[in-house]
Amino acid sequence: MLRLRPPDSRRAVGPTRGARQIGFDGIGAIALGMTSGQLEGTGYSASSNTDGCQSFRKGAGLVVTLAPSRDAVVAINAFADPSYRTVDGIGVGSSLAQVQSAYQGQIIELHLDGSFGQGSSGVLVQGSGGWIGFTISDGKVAALKVGDHVHATNDEAGC
């Protein structure tokens, strides 16, 4: 089901987003499009290089994926950490119905047939600045990720 509505002013972006709050353009202070220098300035450091993508970490929290060819963040993964929630209150344990209700009118892509990446199922929701990817297991959100259309799923698309 694909739907579109104008951007909603309730959706926090940039510096107004809380440290564990997920928006369409990032999570906390980490935003899509940030450079490696900007990430390092927030305390993140390069941790691995997979499929041409550079991963950055800061402790055991978020994993940030940077495309070195563009020197730009393309994904931010909160995994299954229940302390991260979208600005609309959706997090680990929320139902598929709650996701669809919270983003009614947005562009929503359902990938409930194992096509979300690595054989998993999930939902992509498009908003201003990017996509939020919700991994779905047994009808509930199991993990969350923000990224561009390709990198907001569970698959390792490369950079």
N, C-alpha and C. Protein backbone atom coordinates (compact mmCIF):
# COMPACT_ATOMS: atom_id res chain seq x y z
N MET A 1 0.85 -1.15 0.00
CA MET A 1 0.00 0.00 0.00
C MET A 1 0.91 1.23 0.00
N LEU A 2 0.74 2.11 -0.96
CA LEU A 2 1.55 3.32 -1.05
C LEU A 2 0.65 4.54 -0.93
N ARG A 3 0.99 5.44 0.01
CA ARG A 3 0.21 6.65 0.22
C ARG A 3 1.17 7.80 0.50
N LEU A 4 0.72 9.00 0.25
CA LEU A 4 1.56 10.16 0.48
C LEU A 4 0.76 11.27 1.12
N ARG A 5 1.40 11.96 2.06
CA ARG A 5 0.81 13.15 2.64
C ARG A 5 1.94 14.16 2.83
N PRO A 6 1.62 15.43 2.96
CA PRO A 6 2.66 16.44 3.15
C PRO A 6 3.43 16.20 4.44
N PRO A 7 4.66 16.71 4.54
CA PRO A 7 5.42 16.54 5.78
C PRO A 7 4.63 17.08 6.98
N ASP A 8 4.80 16.42 8.11
CA ASP A 8 4.08 16.75 9.33
C ASP A 8 5.02 17.50 10.26
N SER A 9 4.62 18.65 10.74
CA SER A 9 5.48 19.47 11.60
C SER A 9 5.77 18.80 12.94
N ARG A 10 5.02 17.75 13.32
CA ARG A 10 5.29 17.04 14.58
C ARG A 10 6.57 16.22 14.51
N ARG A 11 7.03 15.92 13.32
CA ARG A 11 8.18 15.03 13.15
C ARG A 11 9.47 15.80 13.38
N ALA A 12 10.13 15.49 14.50
CA ALA A 12 11.35 16.21 14.87
C ALA A 12 12.48 15.92 13.91
N VAL A 13 13.27 16.92 13.64
CA VAL A 13 14.46 16.76 12.81
C VAL A 13 15.60 17.53 13.45
N GLY A 14 16.82 17.17 13.04
CA GLY A 14 17.99 17.91 13.46
C GLY A 14 18.15 17.97 14.97
N PRO A 15 18.63 19.10 15.47
CA PRO A 15 19.00 19.20 16.87
C PRO A 15 17.84 19.12 17.85
N THR A 16 16.59 19.24 17.41
CA THR A 16 15.46 19.16 18.32
C THR A 16 15.09 17.72 18.66
N ARG A 17 15.67 16.77 17.95
CA ARG A 17 15.37 15.35 18.18
C ARG A 17 16.09 14.90 19.45
N GLY A 18 15.42 14.13 20.30
CA GLY A 18 16.04 13.60 21.51
C GLY A 18 17.13 12.59 21.19
N ALA A 19 18.00 12.32 22.14
CA ALA A 19 19.15 11.44 21.94
C ALA A 19 18.77 10.03 21.48
N ARG A 20 17.62 9.55 21.87
CA ARG A 20 17.20 8.20 21.49
C ARG A 20 15.95 8.23 20.61
N GLN A 21 15.76 9.35 19.95
CA GLN A 21 14.59 9.54 19.11
C GLN A 21 14.95 9.37 17.64
N ILE A 22 14.09 8.64 16.94
CA ILE A 22 14.31 8.32 15.54
C ILE A 22 13.41 9.19 14.67
N GLY A 23 14.01 9.90 13.74
CA GLY A 23 13.29 10.68 12.75
C GLY A 23 13.64 10.16 11.36
N PHE A 24 13.01 10.70 10.35
CA PHE A 24 13.27 10.24 8.99
C PHE A 24 14.67 10.59 8.51
N ASP A 25 15.29 11.58 9.12
CA ASP A 25 16.62 11.99 8.66
C ASP A 25 17.73 11.57 9.61
N GLY A 26 17.42 10.83 10.68
CA GLY A 26 18.48 10.38 11.56
C GLY A 26 17.98 9.90 12.91
N ILE A 27 18.95 9.62 13.77
CA ILE A 27 18.66 9.16 15.13
C ILE A 27 19.48 10.02 16.08
N GLY A 28 18.82 10.65 17.02
CA GLY A 28 19.52 11.54 17.93
C GLY A 28 20.26 12.61 17.15
N ALA A 29 21.52 12.83 17.50
CA ALA A 29 22.33 13.86 16.85
C ALA A 29 22.96 13.39 15.54
N ILE A 30 22.79 12.11 15.20
CA ILE A 30 23.40 11.57 13.99
C ILE A 30 22.39 11.65 12.85
N ALA A 31 22.79 12.32 11.76
CA ALA A 31 21.87 12.55 10.64
C ALA A 31 22.41 11.94 9.36
N LEU A 32 21.50 11.53 8.50
CA LEU A 32 21.88 11.09 7.16
C LEU A 32 22.62 12.23 6.47
N GLY A 33 23.65 11.90 5.71
CA GLY A 33 24.40 12.91 4.97
C GLY A 33 25.59 13.47 5.73
N MET A 34 25.71 13.19 7.04
CA MET A 34 26.87 13.67 7.78
C MET A 34 28.15 13.10 7.17
N THR A 35 29.24 13.82 7.29
CA THR A 35 30.54 13.36 6.77
C THR A 35 31.28 12.58 7.86
N SER A 36 32.35 11.91 7.46
CA SER A 36 33.16 11.16 8.43
C SER A 36 33.73 12.11 9.48
N GLY A 37 34.15 13.30 9.08
CA GLY A 37 34.67 14.28 10.02
C GLY A 37 33.62 14.71 11.04
N GLN A 38 32.39 14.91 10.58
CA GLN A 38 31.32 15.29 11.49
C GLN A 38 31.03 14.16 12.48
N LEU A 39 31.03 12.89 11.99
CA LEU A 39 30.82 11.75 12.89
C LEU A 39 31.91 11.69 13.95
N GLU A 40 33.15 11.81 13.51
CA GLU A 40 34.28 11.75 14.44
C GLU A 40 34.18 12.88 15.46
N GLY A 41 33.66 14.02 15.05
CA GLY A 41 33.46 15.15 15.97
C GLY A 41 32.44 14.87 17.06
N THR A 42 31.58 13.87 16.86
CA THR A 42 30.60 13.49 17.88
C THR A 42 31.08 12.28 18.70
N GLY A 43 32.32 11.86 18.47
CA GLY A 43 32.88 10.75 19.24
C GLY A 43 32.82 9.40 18.57
N TYR A 44 32.28 9.33 17.36
CA TYR A 44 32.24 8.06 16.63
C TYR A 44 33.59 7.81 15.97
N SER A 45 33.95 6.52 15.85
CA SER A 45 35.19 6.17 15.15
C SER A 45 34.92 4.99 14.23
N ALA A 46 35.71 4.92 13.16
CA ALA A 46 35.56 3.85 12.17
C ALA A 46 35.82 2.51 12.85
N SER A 47 34.96 1.52 12.56
CA SER A 47 35.11 0.21 13.21
C SER A 47 35.32 -0.92 12.22
N SER A 48 34.75 -0.84 11.03
CA SER A 48 34.93 -1.91 10.04
C SER A 48 34.56 -1.40 8.66
N ASN A 49 34.96 -2.18 7.66
CA ASN A 49 34.66 -1.85 6.27
C ASN A 49 34.09 -3.11 5.63
N THR A 50 32.83 -3.05 5.22
CA THR A 50 32.15 -4.20 4.63
C THR A 50 31.44 -3.79 3.36
N ASP A 51 31.64 -4.54 2.29
CA ASP A 51 30.95 -4.29 1.02
C ASP A 51 31.13 -2.86 0.54
N GLY A 52 32.31 -2.28 0.82
CA GLY A 52 32.57 -0.92 0.38
C GLY A 52 32.01 0.16 1.28
N CYS A 53 31.29 -0.24 2.34
CA CYS A 53 30.73 0.71 3.30
C CYS A 53 31.64 0.77 4.53
N GLN A 54 31.73 1.92 5.13
CA GLN A 54 32.51 2.11 6.36
C GLN A 54 31.55 2.21 7.54
N SER A 55 31.76 1.38 8.56
CA SER A 55 30.94 1.43 9.76
C SER A 55 31.63 2.28 10.82
N PHE A 56 30.83 3.03 11.55
CA PHE A 56 31.32 3.85 12.66
C PHE A 56 30.54 3.47 13.91
N ARG A 57 31.23 3.45 15.05
CA ARG A 57 30.59 3.12 16.33
C ARG A 57 31.07 4.08 17.40
N LYS A 58 30.24 4.17 18.42
CA LYS A 58 30.60 4.91 19.63
C LYS A 58 30.10 4.06 20.78
N GLY A 59 30.97 3.28 21.36
CA GLY A 59 30.56 2.34 22.40
C GLY A 59 29.68 1.25 21.82
N ALA A 60 28.71 0.82 22.60
CA ALA A 60 27.83 -0.27 22.18
C ALA A 60 26.53 0.21 21.57
N GLY A 61 26.42 1.49 21.26
CA GLY A 61 25.16 2.05 20.75
C GLY A 61 24.94 1.84 19.27
N LEU A 62 24.54 2.89 18.62
CA LEU A 62 24.20 2.87 17.20
C LEU A 62 25.39 2.44 16.34
N VAL A 63 25.08 1.82 15.21
CA VAL A 63 26.09 1.59 14.17
C VAL A 63 25.71 2.48 12.99
N VAL A 64 26.65 3.30 12.57
CA VAL A 64 26.43 4.26 11.49
C VAL A 64 27.17 3.77 10.26
N THR A 65 26.49 3.74 9.12
CA THR A 65 27.09 3.31 7.86
C THR A 65 27.35 4.52 6.98
N LEU A 66 28.59 4.64 6.53
CA LEU A 66 29.02 5.76 5.70
C LEU A 66 29.45 5.22 4.34
N ALA A 67 29.02 5.89 3.26
CA ALA A 67 29.47 5.56 1.91
C ALA A 67 30.74 6.37 1.64
N PRO A 68 31.93 5.74 1.65
CA PRO A 68 33.18 6.49 1.48
C PRO A 68 33.26 7.26 0.17
N SER A 69 32.65 6.73 -0.88
CA SER A 69 32.72 7.41 -2.19
C SER A 69 32.03 8.77 -2.15
N ARG A 70 31.06 8.93 -1.25
CA ARG A 70 30.35 10.21 -1.10
C ARG A 70 30.70 10.93 0.20
N ASP A 71 31.45 10.23 1.08
CA ASP A 71 31.73 10.71 2.42
C ASP A 71 30.44 11.20 3.08
N ALA A 72 29.44 10.30 3.08
CA ALA A 72 28.13 10.65 3.62
C ALA A 72 27.51 9.45 4.33
N VAL A 73 26.86 9.72 5.47
CA VAL A 73 26.12 8.69 6.19
C VAL A 73 24.92 8.28 5.35
N VAL A 74 24.75 6.96 5.15
CA VAL A 74 23.62 6.45 4.38
C VAL A 74 22.66 5.62 5.24
N ALA A 75 23.08 5.25 6.47
CA ALA A 75 22.20 4.47 7.35
C ALA A 75 22.66 4.60 8.79
N ILE A 76 21.68 4.49 9.69
CA ILE A 76 21.93 4.51 11.13
C ILE A 76 21.07 3.40 11.72
N ASN A 77 21.71 2.46 12.40
CA ASN A 77 21.02 1.27 12.88
C ASN A 77 20.90 1.29 14.40
N ALA A 78 19.65 1.25 14.88
CA ALA A 78 19.39 1.16 16.33
C ALA A 78 19.17 -0.28 16.76
N PHE A 79 19.15 -1.21 15.81
CA PHE A 79 18.96 -2.63 16.07
C PHE A 79 17.68 -2.87 16.86
N ALA A 80 17.76 -3.74 17.85
CA ALA A 80 16.58 -4.13 18.63
C ALA A 80 16.56 -3.45 19.99
N ASP A 81 17.25 -2.35 20.13
CA ASP A 81 17.31 -1.63 21.40
C ASP A 81 15.96 -0.98 21.69
N PRO A 82 15.26 -1.42 22.74
CA PRO A 82 13.93 -0.90 23.02
C PRO A 82 13.91 0.55 23.51
N SER A 83 15.07 1.13 23.81
CA SER A 83 15.09 2.51 24.30
C SER A 83 14.98 3.52 23.16
N TYR A 84 15.14 3.08 21.90
CA TYR A 84 14.98 3.98 20.76
C TYR A 84 13.55 3.91 20.26
N ARG A 85 12.95 5.08 20.02
CA ARG A 85 11.58 5.15 19.51
C ARG A 85 11.50 6.25 18.49
N THR A 86 10.57 6.11 17.56
CA THR A 86 10.36 7.17 16.58
C THR A 86 9.68 8.35 17.26
N VAL A 87 9.69 9.49 16.60
CA VAL A 87 9.01 10.66 17.17
C VAL A 87 7.51 10.41 17.29
N ASP A 88 7.01 9.39 16.63
CA ASP A 88 5.60 9.01 16.72
C ASP A 88 5.37 7.92 17.75
N GLY A 89 6.42 7.54 18.51
CA GLY A 89 6.27 6.57 19.59
C GLY A 89 6.42 5.12 19.20
N ILE A 90 6.80 4.83 17.97
CA ILE A 90 6.93 3.44 17.53
C ILE A 90 8.32 2.93 17.88
N GLY A 91 8.39 1.74 18.47
CA GLY A 91 9.66 1.13 18.84
C GLY A 91 9.55 -0.38 18.86
N VAL A 92 10.59 -1.02 19.34
CA VAL A 92 10.60 -2.48 19.46
C VAL A 92 9.38 -2.89 20.28
N GLY A 93 8.64 -3.86 19.75
CA GLY A 93 7.44 -4.34 20.41
C GLY A 93 6.15 -3.75 19.89
N SER A 94 6.24 -2.62 19.15
CA SER A 94 5.03 -2.05 18.54
C SER A 94 4.51 -3.03 17.49
N SER A 95 3.21 -3.03 17.28
CA SER A 95 2.62 -3.95 16.30
C SER A 95 2.70 -3.36 14.89
N LEU A 96 2.59 -4.23 13.91
CA LEU A 96 2.54 -3.80 12.51
C LEU A 96 1.37 -2.83 12.32
N ALA A 97 0.24 -3.11 12.95
CA ALA A 97 -0.94 -2.22 12.86
C ALA A 97 -0.62 -0.83 13.42
N GLN A 98 0.16 -0.75 14.50
CA GLN A 98 0.54 0.54 15.07
C GLN A 98 1.45 1.32 14.12
N VAL A 99 2.37 0.62 13.45
CA VAL A 99 3.24 1.28 12.46
C VAL A 99 2.38 1.86 11.35
N GLN A 100 1.49 1.06 10.81
CA GLN A 100 0.65 1.52 9.70
C GLN A 100 -0.25 2.67 10.13
N SER A 101 -0.77 2.64 11.34
CA SER A 101 -1.62 3.72 11.83
C SER A 101 -0.82 5.00 12.04
N ALA A 102 0.38 4.88 12.63
CA ALA A 102 1.20 6.06 12.92
C ALA A 102 1.63 6.78 11.64
N TYR A 103 1.78 6.03 10.56
CA TYR A 103 2.28 6.62 9.31
C TYR A 103 1.23 6.59 8.20
N GLN A 104 -0.02 6.58 8.61
CA GLN A 104 -1.13 6.61 7.67
C GLN A 104 -0.97 7.82 6.76
N GLY A 105 -1.00 7.60 5.47
CA GLY A 105 -0.87 8.70 4.52
C GLY A 105 0.54 8.88 4.00
N GLN A 106 1.55 8.30 4.70
CA GLN A 106 2.94 8.35 4.21
C GLN A 106 3.11 7.27 3.14
N ILE A 107 4.22 7.34 2.43
CA ILE A 107 4.56 6.24 1.53
C ILE A 107 5.04 5.08 2.40
N ILE A 108 4.36 3.94 2.29
CA ILE A 108 4.69 2.76 3.07
C ILE A 108 4.92 1.60 2.11
N GLU A 109 6.05 0.93 2.27
CA GLU A 109 6.32 -0.28 1.49
C GLU A 109 6.33 -1.47 2.45
N LEU A 110 5.48 -2.45 2.15
CA LEU A 110 5.43 -3.67 2.96
C LEU A 110 6.30 -4.73 2.30
N HIS A 111 7.20 -5.30 3.05
CA HIS A 111 8.07 -6.39 2.59
C HIS A 111 7.91 -7.53 3.59
N LEU A 112 6.72 -8.11 3.62
CA LEU A 112 6.39 -9.10 4.63
C LEU A 112 6.58 -10.53 4.14
N ASP A 113 7.26 -10.68 3.03
CA ASP A 113 7.47 -11.98 2.42
C ASP A 113 8.93 -12.43 2.47
N GLY A 114 9.69 -11.91 3.40
CA GLY A 114 11.10 -12.27 3.51
C GLY A 114 12.00 -11.49 2.58
N SER A 115 11.46 -10.43 1.95
CA SER A 115 12.23 -9.67 0.96
C SER A 115 12.83 -8.37 1.53
N PHE A 116 12.85 -8.24 2.86
CA PHE A 116 13.35 -7.02 3.49
C PHE A 116 14.87 -7.01 3.57
N GLY A 117 15.48 -8.13 3.34
CA GLY A 117 16.93 -8.27 3.40
C GLY A 117 17.30 -9.41 4.31
N GLN A 118 18.23 -10.22 3.87
CA GLN A 118 18.71 -11.37 4.63
C GLN A 118 17.57 -12.28 5.07
N GLY A 119 16.52 -12.39 4.23
CA GLY A 119 15.39 -13.27 4.50
C GLY A 119 14.42 -12.77 5.54
N SER A 120 14.55 -11.53 5.95
CA SER A 120 13.66 -11.00 6.97
C SER A 120 12.47 -10.28 6.34
N SER A 121 11.51 -9.93 7.18
CA SER A 121 10.35 -9.17 6.75
C SER A 121 10.39 -7.81 7.41
N GLY A 122 9.78 -6.82 6.74
CA GLY A 122 9.79 -5.48 7.33
C GLY A 122 8.94 -4.50 6.58
N VAL A 123 9.00 -3.26 7.06
CA VAL A 123 8.23 -2.15 6.50
C VAL A 123 9.17 -0.97 6.33
N LEU A 124 9.06 -0.29 5.19
CA LEU A 124 9.78 0.95 4.95
C LEU A 124 8.76 2.08 4.92
N VAL A 125 9.07 3.17 5.60
CA VAL A 125 8.20 4.35 5.58
C VAL A 125 9.06 5.53 5.15
N GLN A 126 8.58 6.26 4.13
CA GLN A 126 9.32 7.41 3.63
C GLN A 126 8.82 8.69 4.29
N GLY A 127 9.75 9.53 4.63
CA GLY A 127 9.43 10.84 5.19
C GLY A 127 10.42 11.86 4.70
N SER A 128 10.37 13.03 5.26
CA SER A 128 11.27 14.10 4.88
C SER A 128 12.69 13.76 5.28
N GLY A 129 13.57 13.57 4.31
CA GLY A 129 14.97 13.31 4.58
C GLY A 129 15.41 11.87 4.48
N GLY A 130 14.51 10.91 4.49
CA GLY A 130 14.94 9.52 4.40
C GLY A 130 13.80 8.55 4.68
N TRP A 131 14.20 7.34 5.01
CA TRP A 131 13.27 6.24 5.25
C TRP A 131 13.54 5.65 6.63
N ILE A 132 12.50 5.20 7.30
CA ILE A 132 12.66 4.41 8.51
C ILE A 132 12.32 2.98 8.14
N GLY A 133 13.22 2.06 8.49
CA GLY A 133 13.00 0.64 8.25
C GLY A 133 12.65 -0.06 9.55
N PHE A 134 11.54 -0.77 9.56
CA PHE A 134 11.09 -1.52 10.72
C PHE A 134 11.18 -3.00 10.39
N THR A 135 12.06 -3.74 11.03
CA THR A 135 12.09 -5.19 10.87
C THR A 135 10.89 -5.74 11.63
N ILE A 136 10.13 -6.61 10.98
CA ILE A 136 8.91 -7.17 11.58
C ILE A 136 9.10 -8.66 11.80
N SER A 137 8.81 -9.11 13.01
CA SER A 137 8.86 -10.53 13.34
C SER A 137 7.63 -10.85 14.19
N ASP A 138 6.90 -11.86 13.79
CA ASP A 138 5.67 -12.25 14.50
C ASP A 138 4.71 -11.08 14.67
N GLY A 139 4.61 -10.21 13.65
CA GLY A 139 3.66 -9.11 13.65
C GLY A 139 4.06 -7.91 14.49
N LYS A 140 5.30 -7.92 15.01
CA LYS A 140 5.76 -6.82 15.87
C LYS A 140 7.11 -6.29 15.38
N VAL A 141 7.39 -5.02 15.71
CA VAL A 141 8.67 -4.42 15.36
C VAL A 141 9.76 -5.10 16.19
N ALA A 142 10.78 -5.61 15.48
CA ALA A 142 11.89 -6.29 16.15
C ALA A 142 13.17 -5.45 16.12
N ALA A 143 13.27 -4.50 15.17
CA ALA A 143 14.46 -3.65 15.06
C ALA A 143 14.11 -2.44 14.21
N LEU A 144 14.91 -1.37 14.34
CA LEU A 144 14.68 -0.13 13.59
C LEU A 144 15.98 0.37 12.98
N LYS A 145 15.84 1.02 11.83
CA LYS A 145 16.99 1.56 11.12
C LYS A 145 16.53 2.74 10.28
N VAL A 146 17.37 3.74 10.12
CA VAL A 146 17.08 4.90 9.27
C VAL A 146 18.09 4.88 8.13
N GLY A 147 17.65 5.25 6.94
CA GLY A 147 18.59 5.31 5.83
C GLY A 147 17.94 5.83 4.58
N ASP A 148 18.74 5.83 3.51
CA ASP A 148 18.15 6.09 2.22
C ASP A 148 17.34 4.84 1.86
N HIS A 149 16.65 4.84 0.74
CA HIS A 149 15.76 3.73 0.40
C HIS A 149 16.46 2.38 0.40
N VAL A 150 17.67 2.32 -0.12
CA VAL A 150 18.41 1.06 -0.22
C VAL A 150 18.95 0.62 1.14
N HIS A 151 19.46 1.54 1.92
CA HIS A 151 20.14 1.19 3.15
C HIS A 151 19.24 1.14 4.38
N ALA A 152 17.96 1.39 4.26
CA ALA A 152 17.05 1.34 5.40
C ALA A 152 16.51 -0.06 5.62
N THR A 153 16.88 -1.01 4.77
CA THR A 153 16.46 -2.40 4.95
C THR A 153 17.56 -3.14 5.68
N ASN A 154 17.35 -4.43 5.91
CA ASN A 154 18.35 -5.23 6.62
C ASN A 154 19.46 -5.73 5.71
N ASP A 155 19.30 -5.61 4.40
CA ASP A 155 20.33 -6.17 3.52
C ASP A 155 21.56 -5.28 3.50
N GLU A 156 22.68 -5.89 3.21
CA GLU A 156 23.93 -5.16 3.06
C GLU A 156 24.07 -4.85 1.58
N ALA A 157 23.59 -3.69 1.17
CA ALA A 157 23.53 -3.32 -0.23
C ALA A 157 24.87 -2.85 -0.78
N GLY A 158 25.82 -2.62 0.07
CA GLY A 158 27.09 -2.06 -0.38
C GLY A 158 26.94 -0.55 -0.58
N CYS A 159 28.08 0.08 -0.85
CA CYS A 159 28.05 1.53 -0.99
C CYS A 159 28.41 1.96 -2.38
